[in-house]
């Protein structure tokens, strides 16, 4: 019976079939939301800093001059700026991680049209996937511009070589259209 186990085995056997979605729009939206959240947190921190700078409380005088005093504000009960900084620190780390992950994803090669065609045909063949994917999962590999390949053995080709391999050779070798047409 066709299922994800069979699909997994096929991908493991055929490296060129290691084709996945990059989810560009979702990754970009995530970055935009994280960025917007940081902009608001940054403004809140600036306001807290301004309020504490203009405060008459002598214990806050050292905050702009010493991280130690700022961190030690927990013992004096003035934790607002330090707490906000800690919140921002974790969000900045997550944002920077997401930026670098997306940058890495953008550098991953797109699969060849032949690999995508092989994959889709395997999903349809009775001895392959036999149309086991249903609903939205069945359309995952239809998003051509959003697909990436994890096939490390995929040779890098220039545009002309890709064109010849993926278009011209197919036409030339096609028994109905090419030079090697069967005599009728």
Protein backbone atom coordinates (compact mmCIF):
# COMPACT_ATOMS: atom_id res chain seq x y z
CA UNK A 1 0.00 0.00 0.00
CA UNK A 2 1.32 3.44 -0.92
CA UNK A 3 1.95 5.76 2.04
CA UNK A 4 4.56 8.10 3.46
CA UNK A 5 6.81 5.12 4.27
CA UNK A 6 6.94 4.15 0.59
CA UNK A 7 7.52 7.77 -0.39
CA UNK A 8 10.36 7.99 2.14
CA UNK A 9 12.01 4.88 0.71
CA UNK A 10 11.72 6.22 -2.84
CA UNK A 11 13.33 9.55 -1.86
CA UNK A 12 16.11 7.73 0.01
CA UNK A 13 16.80 5.62 -3.09
CA UNK A 14 16.55 8.48 -5.61
CA UNK A 15 18.41 11.53 -4.26
CA UNK A 16 17.05 13.73 -7.03
CA UNK A 17 13.58 13.19 -5.54
CA UNK A 18 14.53 14.93 -2.27
CA UNK A 19 12.26 17.83 -3.22
CA UNK A 20 10.61 20.00 -0.59
CA UNK A 21 8.79 23.31 -0.34
CA UNK A 22 10.69 26.33 0.91
CA UNK A 23 7.51 28.14 2.01
CA UNK A 24 8.80 31.53 0.87
CA UNK A 25 5.68 33.51 1.74
CA UNK A 26 5.40 32.01 5.23
CA UNK A 27 9.08 32.53 5.96
CA UNK A 28 8.90 36.14 4.78
CA UNK A 29 5.73 36.83 6.77
CA UNK A 30 7.39 35.33 9.86
CA UNK A 31 10.39 37.65 9.41
CA UNK A 32 8.15 40.67 8.87
CA UNK A 33 6.12 39.90 12.02
CA UNK A 34 9.26 39.35 14.10
CA UNK A 35 10.73 42.59 12.77
CA UNK A 36 7.55 44.53 13.58
CA UNK A 37 7.46 43.09 17.10
CA UNK A 38 11.08 44.14 17.65
CA UNK A 39 10.37 47.67 16.45
CA UNK A 40 7.66 48.01 19.09
CA UNK A 41 9.81 46.48 21.82
CA UNK A 42 12.65 48.81 20.88
CA UNK A 43 10.34 51.83 21.23
CA UNK A 44 9.11 50.55 24.62
CA UNK A 45 12.72 50.16 25.82
CA UNK A 46 13.61 53.69 24.66
CA UNK A 47 10.61 55.06 26.57
CA UNK A 48 11.56 53.14 29.73
CA UNK A 49 15.14 54.43 29.42
CA UNK A 50 13.89 58.00 29.03
CA UNK A 51 11.53 57.67 32.01
CA UNK A 52 14.25 56.20 34.22
CA UNK A 53 16.80 58.80 33.09
CA UNK A 54 14.49 61.63 34.10
CA UNK A 55 13.47 59.94 37.37
CA UNK A 56 14.25 61.57 40.70
CA UNK A 57 15.10 58.14 42.15
CA UNK A 58 18.88 58.14 42.85
CA UNK A 59 19.13 54.34 42.46
CA UNK A 60 18.39 54.68 38.71
CA UNK A 61 21.25 57.11 38.03
CA UNK A 62 23.73 54.31 37.29
CA UNK A 63 21.55 52.39 34.81
CA UNK A 64 22.81 54.16 31.67
CA UNK A 65 26.40 53.88 32.91
CA UNK A 66 26.62 50.29 34.15
CA UNK A 67 25.08 47.04 32.95
CA UNK A 68 25.91 45.64 36.39
CA UNK A 69 23.78 48.34 38.08
CA UNK A 70 21.01 47.75 35.55
CA UNK A 71 21.07 43.99 36.11
CA UNK A 72 21.28 44.56 39.88
CA UNK A 73 18.09 46.65 39.67
CA UNK A 74 16.25 43.43 40.43
CA UNK A 75 17.35 43.77 44.08
CA UNK A 76 16.05 47.36 44.28
CA UNK A 77 12.68 46.54 42.76
CA UNK A 78 13.27 48.58 39.56
CA UNK A 79 13.28 45.72 37.07
CA UNK A 80 11.39 47.36 34.19
CA UNK A 81 14.35 48.19 31.91
CA UNK A 82 16.25 44.97 32.64
CA UNK A 83 13.13 42.84 32.11
CA UNK A 84 12.38 44.59 28.81
CA UNK A 85 16.00 44.11 27.72
CA UNK A 86 15.83 40.38 28.49
CA UNK A 87 12.59 40.10 26.49
CA UNK A 88 14.22 41.90 23.56
CA UNK A 89 17.40 39.80 23.82
CA UNK A 90 15.54 36.52 23.27
CA UNK A 91 13.45 38.00 20.45
CA UNK A 92 16.54 39.41 18.68
CA UNK A 93 18.25 36.03 18.88
CA UNK A 94 15.19 34.30 17.41
CA UNK A 95 14.92 36.96 14.67
CA UNK A 96 18.60 36.70 13.73
CA UNK A 97 18.30 32.90 13.64
CA UNK A 98 15.26 33.11 11.38
CA UNK A 99 17.06 35.56 9.06
CA UNK A 100 20.06 33.24 8.73
CA UNK A 101 17.87 30.18 8.22
CA UNK A 102 15.94 31.88 5.45
CA UNK A 103 19.17 33.10 3.85
CA UNK A 104 20.39 29.48 3.87
CA UNK A 105 17.12 28.27 2.36
CA UNK A 106 17.39 30.84 -0.44
CA UNK A 107 20.79 29.40 -1.37
CA UNK A 108 19.48 25.84 -1.80
CA UNK A 109 19.14 24.86 -5.46
CA UNK A 110 15.84 24.40 -7.20
CA UNK A 111 15.17 20.90 -8.53
CA UNK A 112 15.48 20.24 -12.24
CA UNK A 113 12.24 20.00 -14.19
CA UNK A 114 13.14 16.35 -14.91
CA UNK A 115 13.40 15.59 -11.19
CA UNK A 116 10.05 17.25 -10.47
CA UNK A 117 8.44 15.37 -13.35
CA UNK A 118 9.90 12.06 -12.11
CA UNK A 119 8.58 12.80 -8.62
CA UNK A 120 5.09 13.69 -9.80
CA UNK A 121 4.91 10.67 -12.09
CA UNK A 122 6.02 8.38 -9.25
CA UNK A 123 3.20 9.75 -7.07
CA UNK A 124 0.69 8.84 -9.80
CA UNK A 125 2.01 5.40 -10.80
CA UNK A 126 0.25 2.38 -9.30
CA UNK A 127 3.57 0.77 -8.35
CA UNK A 128 4.70 4.13 -6.92
CA UNK A 129 2.59 6.49 -4.88
CA UNK A 130 -0.71 5.38 -6.40
CA UNK A 131 -2.28 8.78 -5.61
CA UNK A 132 -2.05 8.14 -1.85
CA UNK A 133 -1.75 11.85 -1.01
CA UNK A 134 -5.09 13.54 -0.45
CA UNK A 135 -6.32 17.11 -0.12
CA UNK A 136 -3.76 19.87 0.24
CA UNK A 137 -0.94 17.37 0.67
CA UNK A 138 -1.52 16.16 -2.89
CA UNK A 139 -0.67 19.63 -4.24
CA UNK A 140 2.60 20.16 -2.33
CA UNK A 141 4.80 19.51 -5.37
CA UNK A 142 2.75 21.74 -7.69
CA UNK A 143 4.33 24.93 -6.29
CA UNK A 144 7.22 25.02 -8.78
CA UNK A 145 8.74 28.35 -7.71
CA UNK A 146 8.72 27.32 -4.06
CA UNK A 147 10.50 23.97 -4.47
CA UNK A 148 14.05 23.18 -3.40
CA UNK A 149 16.15 20.05 -3.69
CA UNK A 150 18.36 18.48 -1.08
CA UNK A 151 20.13 16.46 -3.76
CA UNK A 152 23.77 17.30 -3.09
CA UNK A 153 24.85 15.36 -6.16
CA UNK A 154 22.92 17.61 -8.52
CA UNK A 155 25.54 18.97 -10.91
CA UNK A 156 25.68 22.72 -11.23
CA UNK A 157 24.88 23.70 -14.79
CA UNK A 158 24.97 26.92 -16.66
CA UNK A 159 21.79 28.13 -18.33
CA UNK A 160 22.71 26.78 -21.78
CA UNK A 161 23.50 23.28 -20.47
CA UNK A 162 20.23 23.22 -18.53
CA UNK A 163 18.29 24.28 -21.61
CA UNK A 164 19.90 21.57 -23.74
CA UNK A 165 19.44 18.85 -21.12
CA UNK A 166 15.89 19.69 -20.19
CA UNK A 167 14.38 20.84 -23.49
CA UNK A 168 16.36 20.01 -26.60
CA UNK A 169 17.38 16.45 -25.68
CA UNK A 170 13.83 15.58 -24.72
CA UNK A 171 12.52 16.77 -28.08
CA UNK A 172 15.27 15.03 -30.04
CA UNK A 173 14.80 11.73 -28.26
CA UNK A 174 10.98 11.83 -28.14
CA UNK A 175 9.78 9.04 -30.45
CA UNK A 176 6.84 11.16 -31.66
CA UNK A 177 8.70 14.43 -32.35
CA UNK A 178 12.44 13.90 -32.55
CA UNK A 179 15.02 12.57 -34.98
CA UNK A 180 14.66 9.03 -33.74
CA UNK A 181 11.01 8.81 -34.75
CA UNK A 182 9.84 5.30 -35.54
CA UNK A 183 9.00 4.72 -39.20
CA UNK A 184 5.27 4.24 -39.78
